[in-house]
PDB file of N, CA and C in Angstrom:
ATOM      1  N   MET A   1      96.204  86.477  65.214  1.00  0.00           N
ATOM      2  CA  MET A   1      94.572  86.384  65.819  1.00  0.00           C
ATOM      3  C   MET A   1      94.029  85.283  65.338  1.00  0.00           C
ATOM      4  N   SER A   2      93.300  84.666  65.856  1.00  0.00           N
ATOM      5  CA  SER A   2      92.591  83.248  65.414  1.00  0.00           C
ATOM      6  C   SER A   2      91.409  84.013  64.267  1.00  0.00           C
ATOM      7  N   ALA A   3      91.088  83.169  63.173  1.00  0.00           N
ATOM      8  CA  ALA A   3      90.033  82.949  62.271  1.00  0.00           C
ATOM      9  C   ALA A   3      89.232  81.906  62.043  1.00  0.00           C
ATOM     10  N   TYR A   4      88.127  81.887  61.715  1.00  0.00           N
ATOM     11  CA  TYR A   4      87.336  80.993  61.911  1.00  0.00           C
ATOM     12  C   TYR A   4      86.301  80.956  60.439  1.00  0.00           C
ATOM     13  N   ILE A   5      86.096  79.396  60.244  1.00  0.00           N
ATOM     14  CA  ILE A   5      85.237  80.120  58.689  1.00  0.00           C
ATOM     15  C   ILE A   5      83.840  79.129  59.526  1.00  0.00           C
ATOM     16  N   ILE A   6      82.718  79.855  59.262  1.00  0.00           N
ATOM     17  CA  ILE A   6      81.635  79.164  59.510  1.00  0.00           C
ATOM     18  C   ILE A   6      80.623  78.790  58.926  1.00  0.00           C
ATOM     19  N   VAL A   7      80.276  77.445  58.620  1.00  0.00           N
ATOM     20  CA  VAL A   7      80.042  76.768  56.897  1.00  0.00           C
ATOM     21  C   VAL A   7      78.350  76.608  57.694  1.00  0.00           C
ATOM     22  N   SER A   8      77.572  77.407  57.328  1.00  0.00           N
ATOM     23  CA  SER A   8      76.176  76.998  57.017  1.00  0.00           C
ATOM     24  C   SER A   8      75.403  75.924  55.648  1.00  0.00           C
ATOM     25  N   PHE A   9      74.878  74.980  56.202  1.00  0.00           N
ATOM     26  CA  PHE A   9      74.934  73.931  55.220  1.00  0.00           C
ATOM     27  C   PHE A   9      73.536  73.388  55.269  1.00  0.00           C
ATOM     28  N   THR A  10      72.575  72.842  54.094  1.00  0.00           N
ATOM     29  CA  THR A  10      71.639  71.883  54.212  1.00  0.00           C
ATOM     30  C   THR A  10      72.088  70.880  52.728  1.00  0.00           C
ATOM     31  N   PRO A  11      72.275  69.755  53.557  1.00  0.00           N
ATOM     32  CA  PRO A  11      72.789  68.654  52.398  1.00  0.00           C
ATOM     33  C   PRO A  11      71.169  68.287  51.239  1.00  0.00           C
ATOM     34  N   THR A  12      72.166  68.035  50.189  1.00  0.00           N
ATOM     35  CA  THR A  12      71.016  67.376  48.847  1.00  0.00           C
ATOM     36  C   THR A  12      71.565  66.632  48.398  1.00  0.00           C
ATOM     37  N   ASP A  13      72.405  65.903  48.642  1.00  0.00           N
ATOM     38  CA  ASP A  13      73.030  64.418  48.055  1.00  0.00           C
ATOM     39  C   ASP A  13      74.351  63.739  49.251  1.00  0.00           C
ATOM     40  N   ALA A  14      73.412  62.800  49.685  1.00  0.00           N
ATOM     41  CA  ALA A  14      74.294  62.224  50.933  1.00  0.00           C
ATOM     42  C   ALA A  14      75.389  61.696  50.464  1.00  0.00           C
ATOM     43  N   GLU A  15      75.306  60.846  49.635  1.00  0.00           N
ATOM     44  CA  GLU A  15      76.506  60.007  48.937  1.00  0.00           C
ATOM     45  C   GLU A  15      77.511  61.248  48.350  1.00  0.00           C
ATOM     46  N   GLN A  16      77.305  62.222  47.686  1.00  0.00           N
ATOM     47  CA  GLN A  16      78.253  63.514  47.554  1.00  0.00           C
ATOM     48  C   GLN A  16      79.041  64.176  48.851  1.00  0.00           C
ATOM     49  N   LEU A  17      77.788  64.350  49.583  1.00  0.00           N
ATOM     50  CA  LEU A  17      78.188  64.582  51.300  1.00  0.00           C
ATOM     51  C   LEU A  17      79.480  63.701  51.620  1.00  0.00           C
ATOM     52  N   GLN A  18      79.246  62.937  51.422  1.00  0.00           N
ATOM     53  CA  GLN A  18      80.436  61.723  52.164  1.00  0.00           C
ATOM     54  C   GLN A  18      81.227  61.722  51.345  1.00  0.00           C
ATOM     55  N   HIS A  19      81.661  61.747  50.046  1.00  0.00           N
ATOM     56  CA  HIS A  19      82.723  62.410  49.255  1.00  0.00           C
ATOM     57  C   HIS A  19      83.534  63.764  49.638  1.00  0.00           C
ATOM     58  N   TYR A  20      82.845  64.189  49.677  1.00  0.00           N
ATOM     59  CA  TYR A  20      83.134  66.244  50.344  1.00  0.00           C
ATOM     60  C   TYR A  20      83.788  66.099  51.756  1.00  0.00           C
ATOM     61  N   ALA A  21      83.360  65.541  52.598  1.00  0.00           N
ATOM     62  CA  ALA A  21      83.845  65.364  53.778  1.00  0.00           C
ATOM     63  C   ALA A  21      84.990  64.475  54.183  1.00  0.00           C
ATOM     64  N   THR A  22      84.758  63.725  53.180  1.00  0.00           N
ATOM     65  CA  THR A  22      85.842  62.589  53.342  1.00  0.00           C
ATOM     66  C   THR A  22      87.300  63.412  52.413  1.00  0.00           C
ATOM     67  N   ALA A  23      87.074  64.323  51.433  1.00  0.00           N
ATOM     68  CA  ALA A  23      88.296  65.433  50.684  1.00  0.00           C
ATOM     69  C   ALA A  23      88.645  66.297  51.474  1.00  0.00           C
ATOM     70  N   VAL A  24      87.576  66.816  52.420  1.00  0.00           N
ATOM     71  CA  VAL A  24      87.893  68.066  52.778  1.00  0.00           C
ATOM     72  C   VAL A  24      89.537  68.302  53.927  1.00  0.00           C
ATOM     73  N   PRO A  25      89.378  67.318  54.552  1.00  0.00           N
ATOM     74  CA  PRO A  25      90.396  67.151  55.967  1.00  0.00           C
ATOM     75  C   PRO A  25      91.643  67.458  55.111  1.00  0.00           C
ATOM     76  N   ALA A  26      91.839  67.064  54.356  1.00  0.00           N
ATOM     77  CA  ALA A  26      93.675  67.154  53.648  1.00  0.00           C
ATOM     78  C   ALA A  26      93.679  68.434  52.711  1.00  0.00           C
ATOM     79  N   THR A  27      93.034  69.137  52.372  1.00  0.00           N
ATOM     80  CA  THR A  27      92.967  70.420  52.415  1.00  0.00           C
ATOM     81  C   THR A  27      93.093  71.464  53.424  1.00  0.00           C
ATOM     82  N   LEU A  28      93.029  71.168  54.687  1.00  0.00           N
ATOM     83  CA  LEU A  28      92.650  72.011  55.739  1.00  0.00           C
ATOM     84  C   LEU A  28      94.455  72.238  56.281  1.00  0.00           C
ATOM     85  N   SER A  29      95.058  70.862  55.997  1.00  0.00           N
ATOM     86  CA  SER A  29      96.216  70.203  56.912  1.00  0.00           C
ATOM     87  C   SER A  29      97.073  71.763  56.514  1.00  0.00           C
ATOM     88  N   PRO A  30      97.863  71.921  55.006  1.00  0.00           N
ATOM     89  CA  PRO A  30      98.309  72.957  54.518  1.00  0.00           C
ATOM     90  C   PRO A  30      98.467  74.274  55.549  1.00  0.00           C
ATOM     91  N   TYR A  31      97.160  74.682  55.873  1.00  0.00           N
ATOM     92  CA  TYR A  31      97.115  75.758  56.231  1.00  0.00           C
ATOM     93  C   TYR A  31      96.147  76.030  57.594  1.00  0.00           C
ATOM     94  N   ASN A  32      97.059  74.581  58.288  1.00  0.00           N
ATOM     95  CA  ASN A  32      96.467  75.067  59.827  1.00  0.00           C
ATOM     96  C   ASN A  32      95.284  74.839  60.166  1.00  0.00           C
ATOM     97  N   GLY A  33      94.161  74.142  59.445  1.00  0.00           N
ATOM     98  CA  GLY A  33      93.298  74.386  59.613  1.00  0.00           C
ATOM     99  C   GLY A  33      92.336  73.262  60.436  1.00  0.00           C
ATOM    100  N   GLU A  34      91.705  73.193  61.071  1.00  0.00           N
ATOM    101  CA  GLU A  34      91.129  72.711  62.063  1.00  0.00           C
ATOM    102  C   GLU A  34      89.344  72.633  62.431  1.00  0.00           C
ATOM    103  N   LEU A  35      88.962  71.393  61.649  1.00  0.00           N
ATOM    104  CA  LEU A  35      87.332  71.362  62.128  1.00  0.00           C
ATOM    105  C   LEU A  35      86.797  71.219  63.644  1.00  0.00           C
ATOM    106  N   LEU A  36      86.321  72.174  64.295  1.00  0.00           N
ATOM    107  CA  LEU A  36      86.370  71.878  65.742  1.00  0.00           C
ATOM    108  C   LEU A  36      84.622  71.475  65.834  1.00  0.00           C
ATOM    109  N   ALA A  37      83.998  71.688  65.155  1.00  0.00           N
ATOM    110  CA  ALA A  37      82.327  71.165  65.126  1.00  0.00           C
ATOM    111  C   ALA A  37      81.772  71.058  64.013  1.00  0.00           C
ATOM    112  N   LYS A  38      80.727  70.084  64.174  1.00  0.00           N
ATOM    113  CA  LYS A  38      80.308  69.861  62.757  1.00  0.00           C
ATOM    114  C   LYS A  38      78.791  69.337  63.124  1.00  0.00           C
ATOM    115  N   GLY A  39      77.570  69.782  62.884  1.00  0.00           N
ATOM    116  CA  GLY A  39      76.295  68.939  63.089  1.00  0.00           C
ATOM    117  C   GLY A  39      74.868  70.396  63.417  1.00  0.00           C
ATOM    118  N   PRO A  40      73.924  69.862  63.939  1.00  0.00           N
ATOM    119  CA  PRO A  40      72.595  70.693  63.815  1.00  0.00           C
ATOM    120  C   PRO A  40      73.214  71.665  65.013  1.00  0.00           C
ATOM    121  N   ALA A  41      72.942  72.812  64.729  1.00  0.00           N
ATOM    122  CA  ALA A  41      72.872  73.955  65.762  1.00  0.00           C
ATOM    123  C   ALA A  41      72.199  74.426  66.251  1.00  0.00           C
ATOM    124  N   GLU A  42      71.564  74.547  67.920  1.00  0.00           N
ATOM    125  CA  GLU A  42      70.182  75.173  68.255  1.00  0.00           C
ATOM    126  C   GLU A  42      70.564  76.935  67.858  1.00  0.00           C
ATOM    127  N   ASN A  43      69.219  77.083  67.196  1.00  0.00           N
ATOM    128  CA  ASN A  43      69.130  78.512  66.539  1.00  0.00           C
ATOM    129  C   ASN A  43      68.681  79.316  68.174  1.00  0.00           C
ATOM    130  N   LEU A  44      69.325  80.133  68.201  1.00  0.00           N
ATOM    131  CA  LEU A  44      69.051  80.813  69.863  1.00  0.00           C
ATOM    132  C   LEU A  44      68.131  82.166  69.633  1.00  0.00           C
ATOM    133  N   GLN A  45      68.018  82.595  68.073  1.00  0.00           N
ATOM    134  CA  GLN A  45      67.380  83.829  67.451  1.00  0.00           C
ATOM    135  C   GLN A  45      67.253  83.600  66.468  1.00  0.00           C
ATOM    136  N   GLY A  46      66.446  83.919  65.658  1.00  0.00           N
ATOM    137  CA  GLY A  46      66.088  83.542  63.912  1.00  0.00           C
ATOM    138  C   GLY A  46      66.355  82.451  63.395  1.00  0.00           C
ATOM    139  N   ASP A  47      65.978  82.503  62.239  1.00  0.00           N
ATOM    140  CA  ASP A  47      66.295  80.774  61.583  1.00  0.00           C
ATOM    141  C   ASP A  47      67.247  81.605  60.411  1.00  0.00           C
ATOM    142  N   SER A  48      68.207  80.726  60.210  1.00  0.00           N
ATOM    143  CA  SER A  48      69.257  80.544  59.147  1.00  0.00           C
ATOM    144  C   SER A  48      68.499  79.953  57.933  1.00  0.00           C
ATOM    145  N   GLY A  49      67.586  79.174  57.830  1.00  0.00           N
ATOM    146  CA  GLY A  49      67.140  78.410  56.817  1.00  0.00           C
ATOM    147  C   GLY A  49      68.091  77.141  56.781  1.00  0.00           C
ATOM    148  N   PHE A  50      69.146  76.863  57.044  1.00  0.00           N
ATOM    149  CA  PHE A  50      70.410  75.987  56.807  1.00  0.00           C
ATOM    150  C   PHE A  50      69.996  74.626  58.264  1.00  0.00           C
ATOM    151  N   THR A  51      70.017  73.672  57.656  1.00  0.00           N
ATOM    152  CA  THR A  51      69.679  72.300  59.035  1.00  0.00           C
ATOM    153  C   THR A  51      71.046  72.205  59.638  1.00  0.00           C
ATOM    154  N   LEU A  52      72.206  72.173  59.047  1.00  0.00           N
ATOM    155  CA  LEU A  52      73.759  71.918  59.763  1.00  0.00           C
ATOM    156  C   LEU A  52      74.282  73.043  59.781  1.00  0.00           C
ATOM    157  N   GLN A  53      75.530  73.086  60.483  1.00  0.00           N
ATOM    158  CA  GLN A  53      76.577  74.074  60.626  1.00  0.00           C
ATOM    159  C   GLN A  53      77.850  73.530  60.917  1.00  0.00           C
ATOM    160  N   ALA A  54      78.965  74.066  60.511  1.00  0.00           N
ATOM    161  CA  ALA A  54      80.328  73.521  61.237  1.00  0.00           C
ATOM    162  C   ALA A  54      81.491  74.682  61.164  1.00  0.00           C
ATOM    163  N   LEU A  55      82.581  74.489  62.060  1.00  0.00           N
ATOM    164  CA  LEU A  55      83.185  75.437  62.317  1.00  0.00           C
ATOM    165  C   LEU A  55      84.023  74.684  62.340  1.00  0.00           C
ATOM    166  N   ILE A  56      85.213  75.706  61.380  1.00  0.00           N
ATOM    167  CA  ILE A  56      86.891  75.258  61.117  1.00  0.00           C
ATOM    168  C   ILE A  56      87.527  76.518  61.517  1.00  0.00           C
ATOM    169  N   ALA A  57      88.524  76.290  62.617  1.00  0.00           N
ATOM    170  CA  ALA A  57      89.767  77.354  62.864  1.00  0.00           C
ATOM    171  C   ALA A  57      90.686  77.302  62.600  1.00  0.00           C
ATOM    172  N   PHE A  58      91.115  78.249  62.154  1.00  0.00           N
ATOM    173  CA  PHE A  58      92.946  78.423  61.292  1.00  0.00           C
ATOM    174  C   PHE A  58      93.461  79.407  62.493  1.00  0.00           C
ATOM    175  N   PRO A  59      94.822  79.651  62.229  1.00  0.00           N
ATOM    176  CA  PRO A  59      95.550  80.383  63.187  1.00  0.00           C
ATOM    177  C   PRO A  59      95.181  81.980  62.650  1.00  0.00           C
ATOM    178  N   SER A  60      95.198  82.463  61.610  1.00  0.00           N
ATOM    179  CA  SER A  60      94.820  83.887  61.092  1.00  0.00           C
ATOM    180  C   SER A  60      93.686  83.760  59.471  1.00  0.00           C
ATOM    181  N   LYS A  61      93.504  85.039  59.628  1.00  0.00           N
ATOM    182  CA  LYS A  61      92.759  85.273  58.533  1.00  0.00           C
ATOM    183  C   LYS A  61      93.673  84.820  57.280  1.00  0.00           C
ATOM    184  N   ALA A  62      94.331  84.930  57.588  1.00  0.00           N
ATOM    185  CA  ALA A  62      95.199  84.863  56.216  1.00  0.00           C
ATOM    186  C   ALA A  62      95.264  83.400  55.469  1.00  0.00           C
ATOM    187  N   GLU A  63      95.505  82.428  56.513  1.00  0.00           N
ATOM    188  CA  GLU A  63      95.712  81.475  56.604  1.00  0.00           C
ATOM    189  C   GLU A  63      94.064  80.128  55.665  1.00  0.00           C
ATOM    190  N   ALA A  64      93.327  81.484  56.681  1.00  0.00           N
ATOM    191  CA  ALA A  64      91.622  80.749  56.306  1.00  0.00           C
ATOM    192  C   ALA A  64      91.290  80.984  54.702  1.00  0.00           C
ATOM    193  N   SER A  65      91.640  82.625  54.563  1.00  0.00           N
ATOM    194  CA  SER A  65      91.573  83.037  53.014  1.00  0.00           C
ATOM    195  C   SER A  65      92.409  82.170  52.197  1.00  0.00           C
ATOM    196  N   ALA A  66      93.691  82.033  52.745  1.00  0.00           N
ATOM    197  CA  ALA A  66      94.109  81.052  51.378  1.00  0.00           C
ATOM    198  C   ALA A  66      93.896  79.806  51.284  1.00  0.00           C
ATOM    199  N   TRP A  67      93.187  78.862  52.432  1.00  0.00           N
ATOM    200  CA  TRP A  67      92.552  77.877  52.275  1.00  0.00           C
ATOM    201  C   TRP A  67      91.448  77.720  51.437  1.00  0.00           C
ATOM    202  N   TYR A  68      90.875  78.631  51.410  1.00  0.00           N
ATOM    203  CA  TYR A  68      89.487  78.788  51.048  1.00  0.00           C
ATOM    204  C   TYR A  68      89.797  79.411  49.314  1.00  0.00           C
ATOM    205  N   GLY A  69      90.822  79.514  49.064  1.00  0.00           N
ATOM    206  CA  GLY A  69      91.129  79.946  47.708  1.00  0.00           C
ATOM    207  C   GLY A  69      92.245  79.120  46.944  1.00  0.00           C
ATOM    208  N   SER A  70      92.497  78.034  47.664  1.00  0.00           N
ATOM    209  CA  SER A  70      93.020  77.119  47.182  1.00  0.00           C
ATOM    210  C   SER A  70      92.903  76.251  46.202  1.00  0.00           C
ATOM    211  N   ALA A  71      94.074  75.834  45.128  1.00  0.00           N
ATOM    212  CA  ALA A  71      93.710  75.097  44.500  1.00  0.00           C
ATOM    213  C   ALA A  71      93.087  73.860  44.447  1.00  0.00           C
ATOM    214  N   ALA A  72      93.700  73.149  45.820  1.00  0.00           N
ATOM    215  CA  ALA A  72      92.985  71.862  46.209  1.00  0.00           C
ATOM    216  C   ALA A  72      91.342  72.047  47.143  1.00  0.00           C
ATOM    217  N   TYR A  73      91.273  73.112  47.405  1.00  0.00           N
ATOM    218  CA  TYR A  73      89.871  73.380  48.147  1.00  0.00           C
ATOM    219  C   TYR A  73      88.745  73.425  46.696  1.00  0.00           C
ATOM    220  N   GLN A  74      89.477  74.567  45.632  1.00  0.00           N
ATOM    221  CA  GLN A  74      88.251  74.922  44.952  1.00  0.00           C
ATOM    222  C   GLN A  74      88.330  73.900  44.193  1.00  0.00           C
ATOM    223  N   ALA A  75      89.005  73.056  44.122  1.00  0.00           N
ATOM    224  CA  ALA A  75      88.722  71.555  43.108  1.00  0.00           C
ATOM    225  C   ALA A  75      87.701  70.892  43.483  1.00  0.00           C
ATOM    226  N   LEU A  76      87.632  71.140  44.817  1.00  0.00           N
ATOM    227  CA  LEU A  76      86.326  70.596  45.624  1.00  0.00           C
ATOM    228  C   LEU A  76      85.043  70.968  45.620  1.00  0.00           C
ATOM    229  N   VAL A  77      84.884  72.470  45.110  1.00  0.00           N
ATOM    230  CA  VAL A  77      83.754  72.985  44.962  1.00  0.00           C
ATOM    231  C   VAL A  77      82.660  72.470  44.492  1.00  0.00           C
ATOM    232  N   PRO A  78      82.615  71.764  43.107  1.00  0.00           N
ATOM    233  CA  PRO A  78      81.921  71.143  42.231  1.00  0.00           C
ATOM    234  C   PRO A  78      81.262  70.359  43.036  1.00  0.00           C
ATOM    235  N   LEU A  79      82.018  69.414  43.911  1.00  0.00           N
ATOM    236  CA  LEU A  79      81.483  68.381  44.574  1.00  0.00           C
ATOM    237  C   LEU A  79      80.491  68.999  45.528  1.00  0.00           C
ATOM    238  N   ARG A  80      80.989  70.026  46.584  1.00  0.00           N
ATOM    239  CA  ARG A  80      80.446  71.043  47.318  1.00  0.00           C
ATOM    240  C   ARG A  80      78.836  71.248  47.005  1.00  0.00           C
ATOM    241  N   ASP A  81      78.870  71.687  45.705  1.00  0.00           N
ATOM    242  CA  ASP A  81      77.664  72.282  45.530  1.00  0.00           C
ATOM    243  C   ASP A  81      76.590  71.175  44.802  1.00  0.00           C
ATOM    244  N   ALA A  82      77.331  70.120  44.303  1.00  0.00           N
ATOM    245  CA  ALA A  82      76.404  69.106  44.653  1.00  0.00           C
ATOM    246  C   ALA A  82      75.824  68.277  45.732  1.00  0.00           C
ATOM    247  N   ALA A  83      76.338  68.587  46.266  1.00  0.00           N
ATOM    248  CA  ALA A  83      75.940  67.734  47.898  1.00  0.00           C
ATOM    249  C   ALA A  83      75.258  68.592  48.901  1.00  0.00           C
ATOM    250  N   MET A  84      75.493  69.902  48.720  1.00  0.00           N
ATOM    251  CA  MET A  84      74.825  70.870  49.615  1.00  0.00           C
ATOM    252  C   MET A  84      74.457  72.040  48.871  1.00  0.00           C
ATOM    253  N   VAL A  85      73.461  72.904  50.133  1.00  0.00           N
ATOM    254  CA  VAL A  85      73.286  74.386  49.300  1.00  0.00           C
ATOM    255  C   VAL A  85      74.360  75.084  50.631  1.00  0.00           C
ATOM    256  N   SER A  86      74.480  76.051  50.516  1.00  0.00           N
ATOM    257  CA  SER A  86      75.698  76.102  51.536  1.00  0.00           C
ATOM    258  C   SER A  86      75.939  78.042  51.475  1.00  0.00           C
ATOM    259  N   GLN A  87      76.290  78.274  52.850  1.00  0.00           N
ATOM    260  CA  GLN A  87      76.627  79.911  52.857  1.00  0.00           C
ATOM    261  C   GLN A  87      78.076  79.383  53.926  1.00  0.00           C
ATOM    262  N   PHE A  88      79.590  80.119  53.396  1.00  0.00           N
ATOM    263  CA  PHE A  88      80.772  80.070  53.959  1.00  0.00           C
ATOM    264  C   PHE A  88      80.690  81.571  54.702  1.00  0.00           C
ATOM    265  N   SER A  89      81.132  81.734  56.061  1.00  0.00           N
ATOM    266  CA  SER A  89      81.448  82.960  56.260  1.00  0.00           C
ATOM    267  C   SER A  89      82.951  82.981  56.646  1.00  0.00           C
ATOM    268  N   LEU A  90      83.596  84.267  56.949  1.00  0.00           N
ATOM    269  CA  LEU A  90      84.664  84.190  57.101  1.00  0.00           C
ATOM    270  C   LEU A  90      84.972  85.092  58.617  1.00  0.00           C
ATOM    271  N   LEU A  91      85.210  84.599  60.053  1.00  0.00           N
ATOM    272  CA  LEU A  91      84.783  85.293  61.320  1.00  0.00           C
ATOM    273  C   LEU A  91      86.805  85.874  61.873  1.00  0.00           C
ATOM    274  N   ALA A  92      86.837  87.189  61.979  1.00  0.00           N
ATOM    275  CA  ALA A  92      88.656  87.286  62.130  1.00  0.00           C
ATOM    276  C   ALA A  92      88.455  88.261  62.622  1.00  0.00           C
TER     277      ALA A  92
END
């Protein structure tokens, strides 16, 4: 069954965000991850407090979890945290 990682975020450093966004795709490939959408989301109800969202698809929950915990992605976490305030959710 497909799995999705939903990223809600607010950028705090545009330059660092660009570096992070450039580096992430290479970490997705080994886990068959695909960025489906990124940008401002229209809140239909409530307010998350974040300005942007991204949706990443994986073939399975196991691959999504493996990507998030991978050494390649975890190496980007300090850059991510310097670039944005974020929340990652796994939907499977």
